[in-house]
N, C-alpha and C. Protein backbone atom coordinates (compact mmCIF):
# COMPACT_ATOMS: atom_id res chain seq x y z
N MET A 1 118.28 100.39 51.90
CA MET A 1 117.35 101.97 52.45
C MET A 1 116.92 102.57 53.46
N THR A 2 118.47 101.72 54.30
CA THR A 2 118.97 102.41 55.45
C THR A 2 119.74 103.89 55.64
N ARG A 3 120.26 103.85 54.64
CA ARG A 3 121.15 105.93 54.60
C ARG A 3 119.62 106.57 54.27
N ARG A 4 118.50 105.77 53.19
CA ARG A 4 117.69 106.87 53.01
C ARG A 4 116.64 107.29 54.25
N TYR A 5 116.86 106.75 54.98
CA TYR A 5 116.34 106.95 56.58
C TYR A 5 117.05 107.43 57.47
N LEU A 6 118.32 107.44 57.38
CA LEU A 6 119.19 108.10 58.13
C LEU A 6 119.06 109.75 57.75
N LEU A 7 119.41 109.97 56.09
CA LEU A 7 119.21 111.51 55.54
C LEU A 7 117.99 111.60 55.88
N LEU A 8 116.17 111.56 55.86
CA LEU A 8 115.57 111.95 55.79
C LEU A 8 115.30 112.30 57.47
N ARG A 9 115.75 111.49 58.94
CA ARG A 9 115.12 112.43 59.38
C ARG A 9 116.07 113.11 60.12
N LEU A 10 118.00 113.21 59.69
CA LEU A 10 117.99 114.27 59.78
C LEU A 10 118.07 115.72 59.38
N GLY A 11 116.43 115.25 58.28
CA GLY A 11 116.50 116.68 57.32
C GLY A 11 115.27 116.83 57.46
N ALA A 12 114.52 116.10 58.53
CA ALA A 12 114.09 116.20 59.35
C ALA A 12 113.98 117.04 60.16
N MET A 13 115.20 116.86 61.15
CA MET A 13 115.02 117.08 62.52
C MET A 13 115.82 119.12 61.17
N ALA A 14 116.23 118.52 60.61
CA ALA A 14 117.59 120.06 60.28
C ALA A 14 116.13 121.77 60.13
N LEU A 15 115.55 120.80 59.08
CA LEU A 15 114.36 121.80 58.91
C LEU A 15 113.54 121.89 61.09
N ALA A 16 114.02 121.08 60.74
CA ALA A 16 112.42 121.13 62.91
C ALA A 16 114.01 122.20 63.71
N LEU A 17 114.76 122.19 63.76
CA LEU A 17 116.03 123.10 63.30
C LEU A 17 116.20 124.30 63.54
N ALA A 18 115.69 124.50 61.65
CA ALA A 18 116.34 126.37 61.36
C ALA A 18 115.90 127.56 62.45
N GLY A 19 114.32 127.13 63.15
CA GLY A 19 113.95 128.21 63.61
C GLY A 19 114.59 128.55 64.96
N PHE A 20 116.19 127.66 65.34
CA PHE A 20 116.53 128.05 66.45
C PHE A 20 118.05 129.31 66.35
N MET A 21 118.38 129.40 64.76
CA MET A 21 119.11 129.78 64.58
C MET A 21 119.98 131.50 64.00
N ALA A 22 119.18 131.42 64.70
CA ALA A 22 119.70 133.52 65.64
C ALA A 22 120.76 133.31 66.61
N ALA A 23 120.87 131.83 67.16
CA ALA A 23 122.30 132.42 67.67
C ALA A 23 123.06 131.92 67.09
N GLY A 24 122.54 131.52 66.41
CA GLY A 24 123.97 130.79 65.07
C GLY A 24 124.93 132.05 64.31
N ARG A 25 123.96 133.06 64.33
CA ARG A 25 123.71 133.39 63.15
C ARG A 25 125.30 134.59 62.57
N GLY A 26 125.28 135.23 63.78
CA GLY A 26 126.76 136.00 63.58
C GLY A 26 126.57 136.76 62.83
N ALA A 27 127.68 137.18 61.80
CA ALA A 27 127.64 137.92 60.77
C ALA A 27 127.02 137.44 59.13
N HIS A 28 126.24 136.30 60.16
CA HIS A 28 125.39 136.75 58.88
C HIS A 28 123.34 136.78 58.77
N ALA A 29 123.42 137.55 59.31
CA ALA A 29 122.45 138.86 60.03
C ALA A 29 121.37 138.89 59.05
N ALA A 30 122.53 139.48 57.72
CA ALA A 30 121.63 139.97 56.79
C ALA A 30 121.77 138.92 55.16
N ASP A 31 122.18 137.97 55.67
CA ASP A 31 121.56 137.15 54.88
C ASP A 31 120.47 136.35 54.17
N PRO A 32 120.57 136.76 53.11
CA PRO A 32 118.63 136.42 52.75
C PRO A 32 118.33 134.91 52.54
N ALA A 33 119.48 134.40 52.41
CA ALA A 33 119.29 133.06 52.26
C ALA A 33 119.12 132.29 53.33
N THR A 34 119.72 132.57 54.58
CA THR A 34 119.95 132.04 56.13
C THR A 34 118.37 132.21 56.76
N ASP A 35 118.26 134.18 55.69
CA ASP A 35 117.57 134.08 56.96
C ASP A 35 115.72 133.86 55.80
N PHE A 36 116.19 133.24 55.01
CA PHE A 36 114.82 132.38 54.31
C PHE A 36 114.73 130.54 54.94
N ILE A 37 115.84 130.30 55.37
CA ILE A 37 116.14 129.24 56.19
C ILE A 37 115.47 129.39 57.40
N GLN A 38 115.62 130.14 58.14
CA GLN A 38 115.50 130.72 59.54
C GLN A 38 113.90 130.68 59.87
N ASP A 39 113.03 132.14 59.46
CA ASP A 39 112.08 131.95 59.17
C ASP A 39 111.26 130.42 58.76
N LEU A 40 111.54 130.13 58.00
CA LEU A 40 111.26 127.98 57.21
C LEU A 40 111.34 127.75 58.42
N GLY A 41 112.08 127.20 58.89
CA GLY A 41 112.25 126.43 60.11
C GLY A 41 111.25 127.08 61.85
N GLY A 42 111.11 128.11 61.71
CA GLY A 42 110.30 128.99 62.44
C GLY A 42 108.70 128.75 62.54
N LYS A 43 108.45 128.12 61.49
CA LYS A 43 107.74 128.57 60.91
C LYS A 43 106.95 126.70 61.14
N ALA A 44 108.14 126.10 61.15
CA ALA A 44 108.04 123.88 61.85
C ALA A 44 107.86 124.14 62.80
N ILE A 45 108.98 124.64 63.72
CA ILE A 45 108.58 124.89 64.82
C ILE A 45 107.30 125.51 65.62
N ALA A 46 106.58 126.58 65.16
CA ALA A 46 105.57 126.71 65.39
C ALA A 46 103.82 125.36 65.57
N VAL A 47 104.77 125.09 64.32
CA VAL A 47 103.85 123.61 64.22
C VAL A 47 104.46 122.89 64.98
N LEU A 48 104.95 122.11 65.99
CA LEU A 48 105.25 121.38 66.70
C LEU A 48 104.87 121.72 67.45
N ALA A 49 105.13 123.37 68.37
CA ALA A 49 104.64 123.05 69.63
C ALA A 49 103.37 124.30 69.63
N ASP A 50 102.38 123.68 68.39
CA ASP A 50 101.10 123.33 69.03
C ASP A 50 100.16 122.31 69.27
N LYS A 51 100.16 122.64 70.47
CA LYS A 51 99.69 120.70 71.16
C LYS A 51 98.26 120.68 70.80
N THR A 52 97.69 122.12 70.25
CA THR A 52 96.62 121.54 69.99
C THR A 52 95.86 121.33 68.74
N LEU A 53 96.22 120.80 68.24
CA LEU A 53 97.27 120.35 66.65
C LEU A 53 96.38 118.60 67.14
N ALA A 54 95.44 118.02 66.27
CA ALA A 54 95.49 116.97 65.67
C ALA A 54 96.58 116.56 64.80
N ALA A 55 96.83 114.89 64.11
CA ALA A 55 98.20 114.22 63.96
C ALA A 55 97.62 114.57 62.13
N ALA A 56 96.10 114.67 61.96
CA ALA A 56 95.68 114.58 60.78
C ALA A 56 96.58 116.45 60.19
N ASP A 57 95.43 117.77 61.10
CA ASP A 57 95.28 118.75 61.29
C ASP A 57 97.08 119.57 61.49
N ARG A 58 97.82 118.98 61.75
CA ARG A 58 100.17 118.80 61.94
C ARG A 58 100.25 118.77 60.73
N GLU A 59 99.92 117.30 59.86
CA GLU A 59 100.83 117.24 58.78
C GLU A 59 100.06 118.06 57.74
N THR A 60 98.76 118.80 57.55
CA THR A 60 97.96 119.41 56.66
C THR A 60 99.01 120.71 56.63
N ARG A 61 99.29 121.24 57.72
CA ARG A 61 99.75 122.54 57.85
C ARG A 61 101.45 122.21 58.17
N PHE A 62 102.16 121.76 57.39
CA PHE A 62 103.14 120.43 57.35
C PHE A 62 103.67 121.21 55.99
N ARG A 63 102.16 120.44 55.57
CA ARG A 63 102.67 120.62 54.08
C ARG A 63 101.87 121.48 53.65
N GLU A 64 101.79 122.68 53.94
CA GLU A 64 101.31 123.60 53.20
C GLU A 64 102.50 124.30 53.49
N ILE A 65 103.80 124.56 54.96
CA ILE A 65 104.70 124.83 54.43
C ILE A 65 105.98 123.96 53.80
N PHE A 66 105.71 122.37 53.51
CA PHE A 66 107.23 121.79 52.47
C PHE A 66 106.48 122.74 51.18
N LEU A 67 105.36 122.66 50.40
CA LEU A 67 105.02 123.13 49.41
C LEU A 67 105.24 124.58 49.51
N SER A 68 105.58 125.42 50.08
CA SER A 68 105.95 127.01 49.72
C SER A 68 107.48 127.37 50.19
N ALA A 69 108.37 126.09 50.19
CA ALA A 69 109.21 125.93 50.33
C ALA A 69 110.27 124.92 49.60
N PHE A 70 110.01 124.15 49.56
CA PHE A 70 110.85 122.90 48.37
C PHE A 70 109.81 123.14 47.14
N ASP A 71 110.16 122.94 45.92
CA ASP A 71 110.67 122.93 44.73
C ASP A 71 109.92 121.81 44.27
N VAL A 72 109.24 120.86 45.22
CA VAL A 72 109.21 119.54 44.24
C VAL A 72 108.82 118.73 42.66
N PRO A 73 108.25 119.76 42.55
CA PRO A 73 108.11 119.27 40.67
C PRO A 73 109.75 119.12 39.91
N ALA A 74 110.55 119.78 41.18
CA ALA A 74 111.54 119.99 40.60
C ALA A 74 112.55 118.74 40.71
N ILE A 75 112.30 118.58 42.33
CA ILE A 75 112.40 117.77 42.92
C ILE A 75 112.50 116.19 41.78
N GLY A 76 110.80 116.22 41.62
CA GLY A 76 110.17 115.34 41.50
C GLY A 76 110.53 114.56 40.20
N GLN A 77 111.11 116.10 39.33
CA GLN A 77 111.66 115.30 38.13
C GLN A 77 113.30 114.41 38.36
N PHE A 78 114.17 114.96 39.26
CA PHE A 78 115.33 115.07 39.14
C PHE A 78 115.52 113.34 39.95
N VAL A 79 114.58 113.21 40.77
CA VAL A 79 115.01 111.63 41.25
C VAL A 79 114.55 110.44 40.48
N LEU A 80 113.23 111.59 39.44
CA LEU A 80 112.61 109.84 38.62
C LEU A 80 113.28 109.68 37.55
N GLY A 81 114.86 110.80 36.76
CA GLY A 81 115.14 111.24 36.44
C GLY A 81 114.68 109.90 34.37
N ARG A 82 116.11 110.24 34.38
CA ARG A 82 115.47 109.08 32.81
C ARG A 82 114.42 109.08 32.63
N TYR A 83 113.63 108.12 34.34
CA TYR A 83 112.63 107.36 33.60
C TYR A 83 111.21 108.26 33.13
N ARG A 84 111.04 108.87 33.06
CA ARG A 84 110.18 110.30 33.18
C ARG A 84 110.21 109.74 31.97
N ARG A 85 110.89 109.65 30.36
CA ARG A 85 110.67 109.82 29.21
C ARG A 85 109.48 108.60 29.05
N SER A 86 109.95 107.19 29.85
CA SER A 86 109.18 106.32 29.00
C SER A 86 108.34 106.38 29.70
N ALA A 87 106.99 107.37 31.35
CA ALA A 87 106.30 107.29 31.40
C ALA A 87 104.84 107.68 30.75
N THR A 88 104.12 107.52 31.22
CA THR A 88 103.03 107.52 30.19
C THR A 88 101.92 108.93 31.50
N PRO A 89 102.02 110.40 31.09
CA PRO A 89 101.15 111.22 31.98
C PRO A 89 100.74 110.63 32.90
N ASP A 90 99.85 109.71 32.59
CA ASP A 90 99.01 109.09 34.28
C ASP A 90 100.11 109.12 34.63
N GLN A 91 101.17 108.27 34.75
CA GLN A 91 102.07 107.08 35.80
C GLN A 91 102.97 108.53 36.08
N LEU A 92 103.03 109.59 35.57
CA LEU A 92 103.80 111.37 35.74
C LEU A 92 102.52 111.59 37.15
N ALA A 93 102.02 112.23 36.77
CA ALA A 93 100.55 113.07 37.53
C ALA A 93 101.13 112.01 38.97
N GLU A 94 99.92 110.31 38.92
CA GLU A 94 100.33 109.92 40.71
C GLU A 94 101.01 109.82 40.81
N PHE A 95 102.72 109.69 39.98
CA PHE A 95 103.81 110.52 40.66
C PHE A 95 103.98 111.27 40.96
N ASP A 96 103.85 112.36 41.14
CA ASP A 96 104.15 113.29 41.73
C ASP A 96 103.06 114.21 42.77
N ARG A 97 101.81 113.28 42.46
CA ARG A 97 100.99 113.67 43.80
C ARG A 97 102.16 112.21 44.83
N LEU A 98 101.89 111.10 44.84
CA LEU A 98 102.27 109.76 45.78
C LEU A 98 103.62 110.88 46.84
N TYR A 99 104.82 111.24 45.18
CA TYR A 99 106.22 110.91 45.34
C TYR A 99 105.96 112.74 46.67
N THR A 100 104.83 113.07 46.38
CA THR A 100 104.77 114.41 47.78
C THR A 100 104.12 114.52 48.68
N ASP A 101 103.48 113.52 48.50
CA ASP A 101 102.46 112.81 49.04
C ASP A 101 103.79 111.91 50.84
N ASP A 102 104.71 110.92 50.21
CA ASP A 102 105.57 110.88 50.62
C ASP A 102 106.30 110.94 51.75
N VAL A 103 107.24 112.48 51.07
CA VAL A 103 107.87 113.03 51.22
C VAL A 103 106.82 113.77 52.76
N VAL A 104 106.00 114.31 52.77
CA VAL A 104 105.49 115.13 53.55
C VAL A 104 105.12 113.76 54.91
N LYS A 105 104.42 113.49 54.62
CA LYS A 105 104.01 112.33 55.97
C LYS A 105 105.36 111.78 56.37
N THR A 106 106.77 111.96 55.54
CA THR A 106 107.38 111.12 56.35
C THR A 106 108.68 112.41 57.26
N TYR A 107 108.80 113.40 56.91
CA TYR A 107 109.80 114.54 57.43
C TYR A 107 108.68 115.06 59.13
N SER A 108 107.56 114.54 59.40
CA SER A 108 105.99 114.76 59.75
C SER A 108 106.73 113.59 60.43
N ARG A 109 106.92 112.60 60.49
CA ARG A 109 107.25 111.34 61.36
C ARG A 109 108.22 112.26 62.63
N ARG A 110 109.26 112.39 61.04
CA ARG A 110 111.03 112.69 62.20
C ARG A 110 110.44 114.04 62.49
N LEU A 111 109.75 115.06 62.50
CA LEU A 111 109.79 115.80 62.88
C LEU A 111 109.48 116.70 64.33
N SER A 112 108.34 114.59 65.01
CA SER A 112 108.62 114.33 66.42
C SER A 112 110.04 113.97 66.98
N GLN A 113 110.96 114.06 65.69
CA GLN A 113 111.97 113.33 66.89
C GLN A 113 112.40 114.16 67.47
N TYR A 114 113.17 115.58 67.30
CA TYR A 114 113.28 116.28 68.27
C TYR A 114 113.44 116.40 69.17
N LYS A 115 114.83 116.53 70.20
CA LYS A 115 114.92 115.81 71.14
C LYS A 115 116.22 117.06 71.44
N GLY A 116 115.95 119.11 71.36
CA GLY A 116 117.48 119.29 72.16
C GLY A 116 118.13 120.21 71.10
N GLU A 117 118.30 119.78 69.78
CA GLU A 117 119.96 119.94 69.03
C GLU A 117 119.38 121.08 68.64
N GLN A 118 120.16 122.16 68.39
CA GLN A 118 120.44 123.24 67.56
C GLN A 118 121.39 123.37 65.81
N LEU A 119 120.66 124.44 66.01
CA LEU A 119 120.80 124.12 64.14
C LEU A 119 122.49 125.32 64.38
N LYS A 120 123.52 125.82 63.48
CA LYS A 120 124.15 126.82 63.68
C LYS A 120 124.26 127.10 62.66
N THR A 121 124.53 128.29 61.65
CA THR A 121 124.79 128.18 59.89
C THR A 121 125.80 129.33 60.41
N LEU A 122 126.20 129.11 58.90
CA LEU A 122 128.48 129.47 58.71
C LEU A 122 128.09 130.00 57.24
N GLY A 123 126.89 130.47 56.65
CA GLY A 123 126.55 131.66 55.64
C GLY A 123 126.27 130.46 55.09
N SER A 124 126.34 132.02 53.45
CA SER A 124 125.73 131.12 52.12
C SER A 124 126.78 131.82 50.57
N GLN A 125 126.84 130.84 50.58
CA GLN A 125 127.31 131.09 48.96
C GLN A 125 127.11 130.81 47.55
N VAL A 126 127.42 131.23 46.33
CA VAL A 126 126.28 130.77 45.08
C VAL A 126 127.28 130.00 44.65
N GLN A 127 126.63 128.97 44.30
CA GLN A 127 127.00 127.69 43.40
C GLN A 127 126.18 127.24 42.12
N GLY A 128 126.88 127.72 40.78
CA GLY A 128 126.49 127.69 39.79
C GLY A 128 125.15 129.02 39.59
N ASP A 129 123.99 128.42 39.62
CA ASP A 129 122.42 128.95 39.47
C ASP A 129 122.10 128.65 41.35
N GLU A 130 122.14 127.86 42.25
CA GLU A 130 122.21 127.66 42.92
C GLU A 130 123.21 128.47 43.99
N THR A 131 122.25 128.21 45.11
CA THR A 131 123.10 129.24 46.94
C THR A 131 123.17 128.68 47.50
N VAL A 132 123.75 127.60 48.25
CA VAL A 132 123.64 126.95 49.32
C VAL A 132 124.03 127.71 50.69
N VAL A 133 123.55 127.06 51.64
CA VAL A 133 123.36 127.48 52.79
C VAL A 133 124.06 126.80 53.72
N ARG A 134 124.96 126.76 54.32
CA ARG A 134 125.65 125.57 55.28
C ARG A 134 125.44 125.90 56.68
N SER A 135 124.95 124.67 57.25
CA SER A 135 124.83 124.90 58.64
C SER A 135 125.15 123.32 59.36
N GLN A 136 125.19 123.68 60.31
CA GLN A 136 125.68 122.91 61.42
C GLN A 136 124.75 122.32 61.89
N ILE A 137 124.09 120.94 62.36
CA ILE A 137 123.46 120.09 63.34
C ILE A 137 124.21 120.09 64.70
N ILE A 138 123.72 120.61 66.27
CA ILE A 138 125.10 120.64 67.52
C ILE A 138 124.44 119.87 68.00
N SER A 139 124.77 118.60 68.74
CA SER A 139 124.09 118.17 69.68
C SER A 139 124.09 118.40 70.88
N PRO A 140 123.45 118.67 71.65
CA PRO A 140 122.71 118.88 73.39
C PRO A 140 124.09 117.98 74.07
N ASN A 141 124.33 116.54 73.79
CA ASN A 141 125.16 115.66 73.89
C ASN A 141 126.69 115.98 74.27
N GLY A 142 127.23 117.00 73.83
CA GLY A 142 128.25 117.36 72.82
C GLY A 142 129.38 116.47 71.87
N GLY A 143 128.01 115.73 71.08
CA GLY A 143 128.47 115.73 70.10
C GLY A 143 129.36 115.62 68.37
N LYS A 144 129.52 115.03 68.02
CA LYS A 144 130.24 115.25 67.13
C LYS A 144 129.11 116.31 66.35
N PRO A 145 129.69 117.55 65.32
CA PRO A 145 129.00 118.25 64.50
C PRO A 145 128.48 117.42 63.35
N VAL A 146 127.13 117.74 63.17
CA VAL A 146 126.36 117.49 61.46
C VAL A 146 126.62 118.66 60.96
N SER A 147 127.03 117.68 59.83
CA SER A 147 126.83 119.15 58.44
C SER A 147 125.65 119.38 57.74
N VAL A 148 125.72 120.53 57.85
CA VAL A 148 123.59 120.41 56.79
C VAL A 148 123.95 121.19 55.88
N ASP A 149 123.84 121.65 54.27
CA ASP A 149 123.58 122.34 53.26
C ASP A 149 122.28 122.26 53.14
N TRP A 150 121.77 123.51 52.66
CA TRP A 150 120.69 123.44 51.68
C TRP A 150 120.43 124.16 50.81
N ARG A 151 120.32 124.09 49.31
CA ARG A 151 120.93 124.54 48.51
C ARG A 151 119.50 124.78 47.56
N LEU A 152 119.30 126.48 47.78
CA LEU A 152 118.71 126.52 46.81
C LEU A 152 118.40 126.88 45.43
N THR A 153 117.05 126.90 45.12
CA THR A 153 117.43 127.93 43.97
C THR A 153 117.02 129.52 44.05
N GLY A 154 116.35 130.20 42.78
CA GLY A 154 115.78 131.59 43.09
C GLY A 154 116.43 131.99 43.57
N SER A 155 116.37 133.47 43.66
CA SER A 155 117.43 134.94 44.52
C SER A 155 115.72 135.47 45.40
N ALA A 156 116.47 135.58 46.37
CA ALA A 156 115.51 136.62 47.53
C ALA A 156 114.67 137.42 47.33
N GLY A 157 113.52 137.09 48.23
CA GLY A 157 112.14 136.61 47.75
C GLY A 157 111.32 135.79 46.89
N SER A 158 111.80 134.92 46.50
CA SER A 158 111.04 133.59 46.31
C SER A 158 112.59 132.44 45.41
N TYR A 159 113.45 132.56 46.88
CA TYR A 159 114.04 130.57 47.34
C TYR A 159 113.24 129.29 47.12
N LYS A 160 113.07 128.75 46.18
CA LYS A 160 113.29 127.19 46.56
C LYS A 160 113.99 126.34 46.20
N ILE A 161 113.90 125.60 48.15
CA ILE A 161 115.08 124.61 48.62
C ILE A 161 114.86 123.42 47.32
N VAL A 162 115.93 122.36 47.05
CA VAL A 162 115.68 122.32 45.47
C VAL A 162 115.95 120.81 46.41
N ASP A 163 117.51 121.10 47.34
CA ASP A 163 117.99 119.35 47.41
C ASP A 163 118.76 120.15 49.28
N VAL A 164 118.31 118.34 50.60
CA VAL A 164 119.78 119.38 51.29
C VAL A 164 120.44 117.85 51.99
N VAL A 165 121.59 118.12 51.48
CA VAL A 165 122.78 117.94 51.50
C VAL A 165 123.67 117.62 53.49
N ILE A 166 123.15 116.47 53.58
CA ILE A 166 123.83 115.82 55.22
C ILE A 166 124.91 114.47 55.09
N GLU A 167 126.16 115.52 55.70
CA GLU A 167 127.62 114.70 55.72
C GLU A 167 127.67 114.55 54.46
N ASN A 168 127.49 115.69 53.86
CA ASN A 168 127.57 115.32 51.75
C ASN A 168 127.25 114.10 50.91
N LEU A 169 126.04 113.80 51.47
CA LEU A 169 125.15 112.56 51.29
C LEU A 169 123.97 113.14 50.28
N SER A 170 123.27 113.68 49.46
CA SER A 170 122.34 114.28 48.89
C SER A 170 121.18 113.50 49.28
N MET A 171 120.37 114.39 49.56
CA MET A 171 119.01 113.60 49.18
C MET A 171 118.38 113.37 48.09
N ARG A 172 118.05 114.00 47.66
CA ARG A 172 117.37 114.10 45.90
C ARG A 172 118.54 113.22 45.63
N ASN A 173 119.55 112.98 44.90
CA ASN A 173 120.96 111.82 45.20
C ASN A 173 120.38 110.29 45.35
N ALA A 174 120.17 110.68 46.73
CA ALA A 174 119.49 109.45 47.13
C ALA A 174 118.49 108.43 46.82
N GLN A 175 117.51 109.80 46.98
CA GLN A 175 115.74 109.11 47.07
C GLN A 175 116.11 108.75 44.60
N ARG A 176 116.59 109.18 44.17
CA ARG A 176 117.48 108.94 43.12
C ARG A 176 117.94 108.05 42.76
N GLU A 177 118.89 107.10 43.01
CA GLU A 177 118.92 105.93 43.91
C GLU A 177 118.28 105.37 43.85
N ASP A 178 117.46 104.84 45.33
CA ASP A 178 115.95 104.53 45.33
C ASP A 178 115.17 104.06 44.56
N TYR A 179 114.66 105.49 44.09
CA TYR A 179 113.81 104.73 42.69
C TYR A 179 113.94 104.14 41.50
N GLY A 180 115.01 104.82 41.76
CA GLY A 180 115.58 104.07 40.13
C GLY A 180 115.93 102.83 40.29
N SER A 181 116.13 102.18 41.06
CA SER A 181 116.56 100.68 41.19
C SER A 181 115.38 99.80 41.51
N VAL A 182 114.36 101.14 41.66
CA VAL A 182 112.70 99.94 41.99
C VAL A 182 112.44 100.14 40.27
N VAL A 183 112.23 101.12 39.52
CA VAL A 183 112.02 101.18 37.82
C VAL A 183 112.32 100.04 37.36
N SER A 184 113.69 100.15 37.26
CA SER A 184 114.10 99.23 36.51
C SER A 184 114.41 97.84 36.91
N ALA A 185 113.92 97.30 37.86
CA ALA A 185 113.82 96.26 38.73
C ALA A 185 112.15 95.80 37.85
N GLY A 186 110.76 96.82 38.36
CA GLY A 186 110.26 96.51 38.29
C GLY A 186 108.97 97.44 37.39
N GLY A 187 109.62 97.83 37.10
CA GLY A 187 109.26 99.59 35.57
C GLY A 187 108.37 100.49 36.71
N MET A 188 107.56 101.62 36.15
CA MET A 188 106.99 102.90 37.07
C MET A 188 105.72 101.52 37.44
N ASP A 189 105.52 101.32 37.55
CA ASP A 189 104.27 100.35 38.14
C ASP A 189 104.37 100.00 39.53
N ALA A 190 106.04 99.12 39.17
CA ALA A 190 106.57 98.69 40.78
C ALA A 190 107.11 99.89 41.77
N LEU A 191 106.96 100.67 40.82
CA LEU A 191 107.70 101.66 41.98
C LEU A 191 106.25 103.18 42.36
N LEU A 192 105.31 102.52 42.12
CA LEU A 192 103.74 103.60 41.57
C LEU A 192 102.87 102.47 43.29
N THR A 193 102.62 100.94 43.03
CA THR A 193 102.17 100.64 43.90
C THR A 193 103.20 100.80 45.45
N GLY A 194 104.28 100.64 45.04
CA GLY A 194 105.12 100.83 46.48
C GLY A 194 104.79 102.64 47.23
N LEU A 195 104.74 103.06 46.55
CA LEU A 195 104.83 105.20 47.04
C LEU A 195 103.04 104.79 47.32
N ARG A 196 102.41 104.44 47.08
CA ARG A 196 100.79 103.56 47.24
C ARG A 196 101.03 103.00 48.99
N LYS A 197 101.30 102.11 49.68
CA LYS A 197 101.20 101.33 49.83
C LYS A 197 102.44 102.25 50.93
N LYS A 198 103.17 103.00 50.96
CA LYS A 198 103.69 103.18 51.50
C LYS A 198 102.47 104.97 52.50
N VAL A 199 101.92 105.15 51.76
CA VAL A 199 101.34 106.68 51.83
C VAL A 199 99.88 106.14 52.16
N GLY A 200 100.26 105.02 52.11
CA GLY A 200 98.74 104.25 52.37
C GLY A 200 97.23 104.97 51.15
N THR A 201 97.38 104.71 50.43
CA THR A 201 96.27 105.03 49.34
C THR A 201 96.43 103.81 48.62
N SER A 202 95.14 103.55 47.06
CA SER A 202 94.65 102.72 46.38
C SER A 202 94.99 103.14 44.46
N SER A 203 94.93 102.37 44.67
CA SER A 203 95.35 102.81 43.25
C SER A 203 94.31 103.91 42.01
């Protein structure tokens, strides 16, 4: 699970850093896909900066941001993959709920680890049915930049994030691999039990 931990940690950092894109946008200022990511980051930064928010309120606010920007149903369908066909309607409904809770809680924790990095955008391009916004996380210590690609569906005014690719490692692919191995070994009930434990709920 080390790779997934790293991806989620960096993915949350990238989301927080998106609010600092203005300095690195340059010629891409009129790019609506880049504007979408910048706006998303600005909202995340506003939540981080509000010291009056209790932890539960912060998570609620971030959940609203996450659900408005990410195509959670599509990502959930992808990460569960072929195992959706053998799951019952009740199992699918619970998975969708637990998956959302898991990712929101994980991102909320990771966002608090922001340490002054900046994120520079490098433009966007259309790849099939998706638009990819390319960017880099720049360390304040002068370390090697980390590449982050935001994969979007939709068009200007209706973009949704379906994947974050960090150093060529796809978050949705990593989750699909992790979840698939659990279901393959113990069935859908094993995956749901693990997710309930992570998000702190009972069956």
